[in-house]
């Protein structure tokens, strides 16, 4: 398989099938990655995973993977290091990945004691671009942009490859078209990962948006009684807030980002 994307570094399309929709408590049961290389080559890696917790029946009915199907598969912790190596140096792409797949994947890596850093990765959410232009489902997107019926929907590999094809078709259709990003900036769409990354950017400090950047580019709390208050002010005036977050059921990524802010405050003293 080859591709037509113009890349300076690998772009890894991926999709997760999971036990549920909560990154803090749910686990991966299948992951599929289609890594597009700058030379036009595509490497595909698909792996079922033992989540170590039961898969709810209602979830199995959606993706077709049951407890007995993954009982003898490796755990995520077992394959985490090899996955991290496969994704090393890659930008990431997926369908609704910024809201779900990426936060859950990062949680899984952190639970396996691997710091899967996103700082130097561009994140391309094909659903975001699709909804900007044609707000529909992946199945409809595949039919609309590729002229095909999506077979085996909710299979990780089928969804991954369909997402891949949809983005390629989108870039041909919308080349040069101006779209508005979430910050109100106009961006001309093109076959350039840097341009697409700018279109996808939001104001989140952590992946789940418990902290966001305000108009001045400073981190503020985005929930509860401190919503809208600078994170540094909360940490200074209410030191117990930090301990409460670390002991509560917040994502590990949120705790990590809060810790980074606290350490930054300490180092400035």
C-alpha atoms as a PDB file:
ATOM      1  CA  UNK A   1       0.000   0.000   0.000  1.00  0.00           C
ATOM      2  CA  UNK A   2       1.225   3.491  -0.875  1.00  0.00           C
ATOM      3  CA  UNK A   3      -0.051   7.001  -0.155  1.00  0.00           C
ATOM      4  CA  UNK A   4      -0.107  10.503  -1.690  1.00  0.00           C
ATOM      5  CA  UNK A   5       0.454  12.601   1.457  1.00  0.00           C
ATOM      6  CA  UNK A   6       3.335  15.091   1.455  1.00  0.00           C
ATOM      7  CA  UNK A   7       5.220  14.298   4.663  1.00  0.00           C
ATOM      8  CA  UNK A   8       8.416  15.449   6.351  1.00  0.00           C
ATOM      9  CA  UNK A   9       8.093  12.793   9.060  1.00  0.00           C
ATOM     10  CA  UNK A  10       5.982   9.627   9.450  1.00  0.00           C
ATOM     11  CA  UNK A  11       2.256  10.061  10.081  1.00  0.00           C
ATOM     12  CA  UNK A  12       0.697   7.210  12.068  1.00  0.00           C
ATOM     13  CA  UNK A  13      -3.028   6.697  11.533  1.00  0.00           C
ATOM     14  CA  UNK A  14      -4.453   4.615  14.349  1.00  0.00           C
ATOM     15  CA  UNK A  15      -7.720   3.399  15.839  1.00  0.00           C
ATOM     16  CA  UNK A  16      -8.525   1.782  19.186  1.00  0.00           C
ATOM     17  CA  UNK A  17     -11.234  -0.663  20.150  1.00  0.00           C
ATOM     18  CA  UNK A  18     -11.708  -0.479  23.905  1.00  0.00           C
ATOM     19  CA  UNK A  19     -13.700  -1.650  26.907  1.00  0.00           C
ATOM     20  CA  UNK A  20     -15.507   1.698  27.085  1.00  0.00           C
ATOM     21  CA  UNK A  21     -15.181   5.447  26.599  1.00  0.00           C
ATOM     22  CA  UNK A  22     -13.466   6.642  29.801  1.00  0.00           C
ATOM     23  CA  UNK A  23      -9.678   7.061  29.370  1.00  0.00           C
ATOM     24  CA  UNK A  24      -9.130   6.914  33.139  1.00  0.00           C
ATOM     25  CA  UNK A  25     -10.655   3.477  33.654  1.00  0.00           C
ATOM     26  CA  UNK A  26     -11.149   1.794  30.281  1.00  0.00           C
ATOM     27  CA  UNK A  27      -8.562  -0.244  28.385  1.00  0.00           C
ATOM     28  CA  UNK A  28      -7.521  -1.073  24.828  1.00  0.00           C
ATOM     29  CA  UNK A  29      -8.675  -4.409  23.372  1.00  0.00           C
ATOM     30  CA  UNK A  30      -7.376  -3.810  19.841  1.00  0.00           C
ATOM     31  CA  UNK A  31      -5.080  -1.283  18.203  1.00  0.00           C
ATOM     32  CA  UNK A  32      -4.367  -0.843  14.524  1.00  0.00           C
ATOM     33  CA  UNK A  33      -1.730   1.517  13.128  1.00  0.00           C
ATOM     34  CA  UNK A  34      -1.119   2.461   9.505  1.00  0.00           C
ATOM     35  CA  UNK A  35       2.204   4.340   9.472  1.00  0.00           C
ATOM     36  CA  UNK A  36       2.636   6.498   6.371  1.00  0.00           C
ATOM     37  CA  UNK A  37       6.311   7.140   5.638  1.00  0.00           C
ATOM     38  CA  UNK A  38       7.675  10.178   3.738  1.00  0.00           C
ATOM     39  CA  UNK A  39       8.805   7.888   0.890  1.00  0.00           C
ATOM     40  CA  UNK A  40       5.192   6.852   0.158  1.00  0.00           C
ATOM     41  CA  UNK A  41       5.369   3.475   1.909  1.00  0.00           C
ATOM     42  CA  UNK A  42       2.715   2.412   4.445  1.00  0.00           C
ATOM     43  CA  UNK A  43       3.413  -0.011   7.299  1.00  0.00           C
ATOM     44  CA  UNK A  44       0.384  -1.629   8.989  1.00  0.00           C
ATOM     45  CA  UNK A  45       0.424  -3.072  12.489  1.00  0.00           C
ATOM     46  CA  UNK A  46      -2.677  -4.556  14.165  1.00  0.00           C
ATOM     47  CA  UNK A  47      -2.734  -6.178  17.588  1.00  0.00           C
ATOM     48  CA  UNK A  48      -5.472  -7.428  19.897  1.00  0.00           C
ATOM     49  CA  UNK A  49      -4.843  -6.783  23.586  1.00  0.00           C
ATOM     50  CA  UNK A  50      -5.911  -8.405  26.844  1.00  0.00           C
ATOM     51  CA  UNK A  51      -7.358  -5.440  28.779  1.00  0.00           C
ATOM     52  CA  UNK A  52      -7.108  -7.322  32.141  1.00  0.00           C
ATOM     53  CA  UNK A  53     -10.681  -6.226  32.898  1.00  0.00           C
ATOM     54  CA  UNK A  54     -13.999  -7.582  31.554  1.00  0.00           C
ATOM     55  CA  UNK A  55     -15.404  -6.134  28.338  1.00  0.00           C
ATOM     56  CA  UNK A  56     -19.027  -5.031  28.917  1.00  0.00           C
ATOM     57  CA  UNK A  57     -21.426  -6.978  26.715  1.00  0.00           C
ATOM     58  CA  UNK A  58     -22.909  -3.777  25.286  1.00  0.00           C
ATOM     59  CA  UNK A  59     -19.415  -2.737  24.161  1.00  0.00           C
ATOM     60  CA  UNK A  60     -18.666  -6.150  22.646  1.00  0.00           C
ATOM     61  CA  UNK A  61     -21.873  -5.898  20.626  1.00  0.00           C
ATOM     62  CA  UNK A  62     -20.440  -2.757  18.989  1.00  0.00           C
ATOM     63  CA  UNK A  63     -16.932  -3.895  18.036  1.00  0.00           C
ATOM     64  CA  UNK A  64     -17.473  -7.670  18.076  1.00  0.00           C
ATOM     65  CA  UNK A  65     -14.607  -8.472  20.456  1.00  0.00           C
ATOM     66  CA  UNK A  66     -15.497 -10.586  23.505  1.00  0.00           C
ATOM     67  CA  UNK A  67     -13.552 -11.654  26.590  1.00  0.00           C
ATOM     68  CA  UNK A  68     -12.811 -15.084  25.147  1.00  0.00           C
ATOM     69  CA  UNK A  69     -11.363 -13.474  21.991  1.00  0.00           C
ATOM     70  CA  UNK A  70      -8.594 -11.657  23.876  1.00  0.00           C
ATOM     71  CA  UNK A  71      -8.000 -13.970  26.844  1.00  0.00           C
ATOM     72  CA  UNK A  72      -4.686 -15.256  25.420  1.00  0.00           C
ATOM     73  CA  UNK A  73      -3.558 -11.954  23.911  1.00  0.00           C
ATOM     74  CA  UNK A  74      -0.711  -9.890  25.439  1.00  0.00           C
ATOM     75  CA  UNK A  75      -1.495  -7.076  27.860  1.00  0.00           C
ATOM     76  CA  UNK A  76      -0.839  -3.487  26.829  1.00  0.00           C
ATOM     77  CA  UNK A  77       2.042  -3.296  29.293  1.00  0.00           C
ATOM     78  CA  UNK A  78       3.681  -6.228  27.498  1.00  0.00           C
ATOM     79  CA  UNK A  79       3.566  -4.555  24.091  1.00  0.00           C
ATOM     80  CA  UNK A  80       3.847  -0.925  25.213  1.00  0.00           C
ATOM     81  CA  UNK A  81       7.574  -0.538  24.589  1.00  0.00           C
ATOM     82  CA  UNK A  82       7.437  -2.020  21.075  1.00  0.00           C
ATOM     83  CA  UNK A  83       4.412   0.178  20.232  1.00  0.00           C
ATOM     84  CA  UNK A  84       6.221   3.262  21.495  1.00  0.00           C
ATOM     85  CA  UNK A  85       9.191   2.348  19.296  1.00  0.00           C
ATOM     86  CA  UNK A  86       6.924   1.832  16.263  1.00  0.00           C
ATOM     87  CA  UNK A  87       5.399   5.289  16.882  1.00  0.00           C
ATOM     88  CA  UNK A  88       8.724   6.966  17.646  1.00  0.00           C
ATOM     89  CA  UNK A  89       9.118  10.159  15.631  1.00  0.00           C
ATOM     90  CA  UNK A  90       5.580   9.948  14.218  1.00  0.00           C
ATOM     91  CA  UNK A  91       2.846  12.534  14.042  1.00  0.00           C
ATOM     92  CA  UNK A  92      -0.542  11.013  14.899  1.00  0.00           C
ATOM     93  CA  UNK A  93      -3.810  10.869  12.960  1.00  0.00           C
ATOM     94  CA  UNK A  94      -7.166   9.252  13.542  1.00  0.00           C
ATOM     95  CA  UNK A  95     -10.907   9.737  13.555  1.00  0.00           C
ATOM     96  CA  UNK A  96     -12.053  11.565  16.719  1.00  0.00           C
ATOM     97  CA  UNK A  97      -8.562  10.832  18.032  1.00  0.00           C
ATOM     98  CA  UNK A  98      -8.014  14.150  19.826  1.00  0.00           C
ATOM     99  CA  UNK A  99     -11.045  13.649  22.074  1.00  0.00           C
ATOM    100  CA  UNK A 100     -10.811   9.905  22.648  1.00  0.00           C
ATOM    101  CA  UNK A 101      -8.097   7.704  21.122  1.00  0.00           C
ATOM    102  CA  UNK A 102      -5.082   9.879  21.957  1.00  0.00           C
ATOM    103  CA  UNK A 103      -6.069  10.550  25.611  1.00  0.00           C
ATOM    104  CA  UNK A 104      -6.771   6.840  26.168  1.00  0.00           C
ATOM    105  CA  UNK A 105      -3.556   5.770  24.415  1.00  0.00           C
ATOM    106  CA  UNK A 106      -1.502   8.182  26.526  1.00  0.00           C
ATOM    107  CA  UNK A 107      -3.157   6.819  29.685  1.00  0.00           C
ATOM    108  CA  UNK A 108      -2.284   3.265  28.678  1.00  0.00           C
ATOM    109  CA  UNK A 109       1.350   4.225  28.079  1.00  0.00           C
ATOM    110  CA  UNK A 110       1.547   6.059  31.405  1.00  0.00           C
ATOM    111  CA  UNK A 111       0.051   3.050  33.212  1.00  0.00           C
ATOM    112  CA  UNK A 112       2.865   1.025  31.599  1.00  0.00           C
ATOM    113  CA  UNK A 113       5.406   3.563  32.938  1.00  0.00           C
ATOM    114  CA  UNK A 114       6.217   4.915  29.471  1.00  0.00           C
ATOM    115  CA  UNK A 115       6.158   8.695  29.040  1.00  0.00           C
ATOM    116  CA  UNK A 116       4.589   8.944  25.591  1.00  0.00           C
ATOM    117  CA  UNK A 117       5.364  12.600  24.904  1.00  0.00           C
ATOM    118  CA  UNK A 118       3.117  14.581  22.519  1.00  0.00           C
ATOM    119  CA  UNK A 119       5.070  17.846  22.595  1.00  0.00           C
ATOM    120  CA  UNK A 120       6.812  17.340  19.246  1.00  0.00           C
ATOM    121  CA  UNK A 121       3.975  15.482  17.529  1.00  0.00           C
ATOM    122  CA  UNK A 122       1.380  17.028  15.249  1.00  0.00           C
ATOM    123  CA  UNK A 123      -2.121  15.669  15.915  1.00  0.00           C
ATOM    124  CA  UNK A 124      -4.444  15.327  12.926  1.00  0.00           C
ATOM    125  CA  UNK A 125      -8.062  14.545  13.763  1.00  0.00           C
ATOM    126  CA  UNK A 126      -9.759  13.594  10.499  1.00  0.00           C
ATOM    127  CA  UNK A 127     -13.181  13.868  12.166  1.00  0.00           C
ATOM    128  CA  UNK A 128     -12.483  17.508  12.991  1.00  0.00           C
ATOM    129  CA  UNK A 129     -11.654  18.317   9.367  1.00  0.00           C
ATOM    130  CA  UNK A 130     -14.628  16.264   8.190  1.00  0.00           C
ATOM    131  CA  UNK A 131     -17.043  18.041  10.539  1.00  0.00           C
ATOM    132  CA  UNK A 132     -15.754  21.394   9.382  1.00  0.00           C
ATOM    133  CA  UNK A 133     -16.726  20.475   5.843  1.00  0.00           C
ATOM    134  CA  UNK A 134     -19.326  17.692   5.960  1.00  0.00           C
ATOM    135  CA  UNK A 135     -20.623  16.914   9.487  1.00  0.00           C
ATOM    136  CA  UNK A 136     -21.363  13.162   9.247  1.00  0.00           C
ATOM    137  CA  UNK A 137     -20.108   9.737  10.366  1.00  0.00           C
ATOM    138  CA  UNK A 138     -17.008   7.838   9.193  1.00  0.00           C
ATOM    139  CA  UNK A 139     -19.227   5.526   7.149  1.00  0.00           C
ATOM    140  CA  UNK A 140     -20.837   8.517   5.414  1.00  0.00           C
ATOM    141  CA  UNK A 141     -17.434  10.182   4.979  1.00  0.00           C
ATOM    142  CA  UNK A 142     -16.051   7.086   3.288  1.00  0.00           C
ATOM    143  CA  UNK A 143     -19.047   6.933   0.953  1.00  0.00           C
ATOM    144  CA  UNK A 144     -18.950  10.674   0.227  1.00  0.00           C
ATOM    145  CA  UNK A 145     -15.205  11.124  -0.305  1.00  0.00           C
ATOM    146  CA  UNK A 146     -14.129   7.706  -1.542  1.00  0.00           C
ATOM    147  CA  UNK A 147     -17.305   6.531  -3.271  1.00  0.00           C
ATOM    148  CA  UNK A 148     -17.235   3.184  -1.443  1.00  0.00           C
ATOM    149  CA  UNK A 149     -19.225   1.368   1.209  1.00  0.00           C
ATOM    150  CA  UNK A 150     -17.363   0.867   4.501  1.00  0.00           C
ATOM    151  CA  UNK A 151     -17.258  -2.883   5.140  1.00  0.00           C
ATOM    152  CA  UNK A 152     -16.541  -4.188   8.664  1.00  0.00           C
ATOM    153  CA  UNK A 153     -17.179  -0.837  10.365  1.00  0.00           C
ATOM    154  CA  UNK A 154     -15.965  -0.840  14.014  1.00  0.00           C
ATOM    155  CA  UNK A 155     -13.141  -3.180  13.077  1.00  0.00           C
ATOM    156  CA  UNK A 156      -9.984  -1.301  14.105  1.00  0.00           C
ATOM    157  CA  UNK A 157      -8.148  -2.015  10.861  1.00  0.00           C
ATOM    158  CA  UNK A 158     -11.119  -1.265   8.581  1.00  0.00           C
ATOM    159  CA  UNK A 159     -11.778   2.033  10.392  1.00  0.00           C
ATOM    160  CA  UNK A 160      -8.087   2.948  10.369  1.00  0.00           C
ATOM    161  CA  UNK A 161      -7.653   2.362   6.630  1.00  0.00           C
ATOM    162  CA  UNK A 162     -10.969   4.086   5.827  1.00  0.00           C
ATOM    163  CA  UNK A 163      -9.854   7.139   7.839  1.00  0.00           C
ATOM    164  CA  UNK A 164      -6.567   7.105   5.910  1.00  0.00           C
ATOM    165  CA  UNK A 165      -8.341   7.093   2.527  1.00  0.00           C
ATOM    166  CA  UNK A 166     -10.834   9.773   3.630  1.00  0.00           C
ATOM    167  CA  UNK A 167      -8.052  12.224   4.550  1.00  0.00           C
ATOM    168  CA  UNK A 168      -6.298  11.701   1.222  1.00  0.00           C
ATOM    169  CA  UNK A 169      -9.552  12.381  -0.660  1.00  0.00           C
ATOM    170  CA  UNK A 170     -10.329  15.416   1.545  1.00  0.00           C
ATOM    171  CA  UNK A 171      -7.004  17.038   0.755  1.00  0.00           C
ATOM    172  CA  UNK A 172      -7.683  16.758  -2.963  1.00  0.00           C
ATOM    173  CA  UNK A 173     -11.244  18.096  -2.631  1.00  0.00           C
ATOM    174  CA  UNK A 174     -10.462  21.003  -0.267  1.00  0.00           C
ATOM    175  CA  UNK A 175      -7.043  22.053  -1.510  1.00  0.00           C
ATOM    176  CA  UNK A 176      -6.818  25.830  -1.013  1.00  0.00           C
ATOM    177  CA  UNK A 177     -10.227  26.121   0.669  1.00  0.00           C
ATOM    178  CA  UNK A 178     -10.189  28.433   3.718  1.00  0.00           C
ATOM    179  CA  UNK A 179     -11.616  27.073   6.988  1.00  0.00           C
ATOM    180  CA  UNK A 180     -11.999  28.593  10.461  1.00  0.00           C
ATOM    181  CA  UNK A 181     -10.158  26.894  13.335  1.00  0.00           C
ATOM    182  CA  UNK A 182     -11.425  26.702  16.934  1.00  0.00           C
ATOM    183  CA  UNK A 183      -9.621  29.928  17.814  1.00  0.00           C
ATOM    184  CA  UNK A 184     -11.297  31.910  15.021  1.00  0.00           C
ATOM    185  CA  UNK A 185      -8.295  31.975  12.693  1.00  0.00           C
ATOM    186  CA  UNK A 186      -8.643  31.374   8.962  1.00  0.00           C
ATOM    187  CA  UNK A 187      -6.513  28.541   7.608  1.00  0.00           C
ATOM    188  CA  UNK A 188      -6.184  27.513   3.955  1.00  0.00           C
ATOM    189  CA  UNK A 189      -6.317  23.708   3.726  1.00  0.00           C
ATOM    190  CA  UNK A 190      -3.466  22.015   1.885  1.00  0.00           C
ATOM    191  CA  UNK A 191      -1.525  18.761   1.659  1.00  0.00           C
ATOM    192  CA  UNK A 192       0.731  19.837   4.505  1.00  0.00           C
ATOM    193  CA  UNK A 193       0.702  18.301   7.995  1.00  0.00           C
ATOM    194  CA  UNK A 194       1.820  21.589   9.577  1.00  0.00           C
ATOM    195  CA  UNK A 195      -1.202  23.390   8.085  1.00  0.00           C
ATOM    196  CA  UNK A 196      -3.582  20.631   9.183  1.00  0.00           C
ATOM    197  CA  UNK A 197      -2.096  20.636  12.679  1.00  0.00           C
ATOM    198  CA  UNK A 198      -2.779  24.388  13.014  1.00  0.00           C
ATOM    199  CA  UNK A 199      -6.388  23.768  12.002  1.00  0.00           C
ATOM    200  CA  UNK A 200      -6.776  21.124  14.738  1.00  0.00           C
ATOM    201  CA  UNK A 201      -5.280  23.109  17.620  1.00  0.00           C
ATOM    202  CA  UNK A 202      -7.408  23.894  20.672  1.00  0.00           C
ATOM    203  CA  UNK A 203      -6.812  25.664  23.973  1.00  0.00           C
ATOM    204  CA  UNK A 204      -6.360  22.561  26.130  1.00  0.00           C
ATOM    205  CA  UNK A 205      -3.424  22.331  28.530  1.00  0.00           C
ATOM    206  CA  UNK A 206      -4.136  18.669  29.275  1.00  0.00           C
ATOM    207  CA  UNK A 207      -5.750  16.302  26.806  1.00  0.00           C
ATOM    208  CA  UNK A 208      -9.139  16.203  28.562  1.00  0.00           C
ATOM    209  CA  UNK A 209      -9.352  19.986  28.927  1.00  0.00           C
ATOM    210  CA  UNK A 210      -9.470  20.156  32.729  1.00  0.00           C
ATOM    211  CA  UNK A 211      -7.039  23.055  32.277  1.00  0.00           C
ATOM    212  CA  UNK A 212      -7.025  25.420  29.292  1.00  0.00           C
ATOM    213  CA  UNK A 213      -5.091  28.437  28.063  1.00  0.00           C
ATOM    214  CA  UNK A 214      -6.820  31.821  28.388  1.00  0.00           C
ATOM    215  CA  UNK A 215      -6.535  34.654  25.850  1.00  0.00           C
ATOM    216  CA  UNK A 216      -3.208  35.663  27.364  1.00  0.00           C
ATOM    217  CA  UNK A 217      -1.832  32.150  26.924  1.00  0.00           C
ATOM    218  CA  UNK A 218      -1.853  31.373  30.650  1.00  0.00           C
ATOM    219  CA  UNK A 219      -3.147  28.129  32.176  1.00  0.00           C
ATOM    220  CA  UNK A 220      -6.537  28.332  33.937  1.00  0.00           C
ATOM    221  CA  UNK A 221      -8.728  25.750  35.645  1.00  0.00           C
ATOM    222  CA  UNK A 222     -11.641  24.658  33.440  1.00  0.00           C
ATOM    223  CA  UNK A 223     -13.951  22.933  35.937  1.00  0.00           C
ATOM    224  CA  UNK A 224     -15.556  23.302  39.362  1.00  0.00           C
ATOM    225  CA  UNK A 225     -15.427  26.281  41.697  1.00  0.00           C
ATOM    226  CA  UNK A 226     -12.032  27.434  40.347  1.00  0.00           C
ATOM    227  CA  UNK A 227     -13.124  27.524  36.708  1.00  0.00           C
ATOM    228  CA  UNK A 228     -11.437  30.450  34.948  1.00  0.00           C
ATOM    229  CA  UNK A 229      -8.880  30.992  37.733  1.00  0.00           C
ATOM    230  CA  UNK A 230      -5.166  30.867  36.941  1.00  0.00           C
ATOM    231  CA  UNK A 231      -3.706  27.482  37.885  1.00  0.00           C
ATOM    232  CA  UNK A 232      -0.739  29.140  39.622  1.00  0.00           C
ATOM    233  CA  UNK A 233      -3.109  31.225  41.752  1.00  0.00           C
ATOM    234  CA  UNK A 234      -5.065  28.153  42.830  1.00  0.00           C
ATOM    235  CA  UNK A 235      -1.869  26.277  43.697  1.00  0.00           C
ATOM    236  CA  UNK A 236      -0.581  29.238  45.729  1.00  0.00           C
ATOM    237  CA  UNK A 237      -3.819  30.053  47.586  1.00  0.00           C
ATOM    238  CA  UNK A 238      -5.059  26.486  48.029  1.00  0.00           C
ATOM    239  CA  UNK A 239      -2.063  24.080  48.215  1.00  0.00           C
ATOM    240  CA  UNK A 240      -4.400  21.175  49.075  1.00  0.00           C
ATOM    241  CA  UNK A 241      -5.878  21.412  45.552  1.00  0.00           C
ATOM    242  CA  UNK A 242      -2.795  19.735  44.098  1.00  0.00           C
ATOM    243  CA  UNK A 243      -2.983  16.796  46.532  1.00  0.00           C
ATOM    244  CA  UNK A 244      -6.718  16.466  45.918  1.00  0.00           C
ATOM    245  CA  UNK A 245      -6.220  16.187  42.149  1.00  0.00           C
ATOM    246  CA  UNK A 246      -3.432  13.615  42.539  1.00  0.00           C
ATOM    247  CA  UNK A 247      -5.548  11.452  44.871  1.00  0.00           C
ATOM    248  CA  UNK A 248      -8.761  11.747  42.819  1.00  0.00           C
ATOM    249  CA  UNK A 249      -9.795   9.980  39.605  1.00  0.00           C
ATOM    250  CA  UNK A 250      -8.306  12.447  37.173  1.00  0.00           C
ATOM    251  CA  UNK A 251      -6.400  11.213  34.105  1.00  0.00           C
ATOM    252  CA  UNK A 252      -2.692  10.617  34.640  1.00  0.00           C
ATOM    253  CA  UNK A 253      -2.022  13.155  31.892  1.00  0.00           C
ATOM    254  CA  UNK A 254      -3.916  15.855  33.840  1.00  0.00           C
ATOM    255  CA  UNK A 255      -1.927  15.047  36.972  1.00  0.00           C
ATOM    256  CA  UNK A 256       1.307  15.167  34.994  1.00  0.00           C
ATOM    257  CA  UNK A 257       0.524  18.590  33.504  1.00  0.00           C
ATOM    258  CA  UNK A 258      -0.488  19.990  36.903  1.00  0.00           C
ATOM    259  CA  UNK A 259       2.756  18.662  38.365  1.00  0.00           C
ATOM    260  CA  UNK A 260       4.746  20.345  35.572  1.00  0.00           C
ATOM    261  CA  UNK A 261       3.102  23.682  36.410  1.00  0.00           C
ATOM    262  CA  UNK A 262       3.819  23.233  40.118  1.00  0.00           C
ATOM    263  CA  UNK A 263       7.462  22.357  39.460  1.00  0.00           C
ATOM    264  CA  UNK A 264       7.790  25.379  37.179  1.00  0.00           C
ATOM    265  CA  UNK A 265       6.495  27.581  39.993  1.00  0.00           C
ATOM    266  CA  UNK A 266       8.995  26.020  42.425  1.00  0.00           C
ATOM    267  CA  UNK A 267      11.944  26.517  40.065  1.00  0.00           C
ATOM    268  CA  UNK A 268      11.106  30.204  39.620  1.00  0.00           C
ATOM    269  CA  UNK A 269      11.488  30.906  43.340  1.00  0.00           C
END
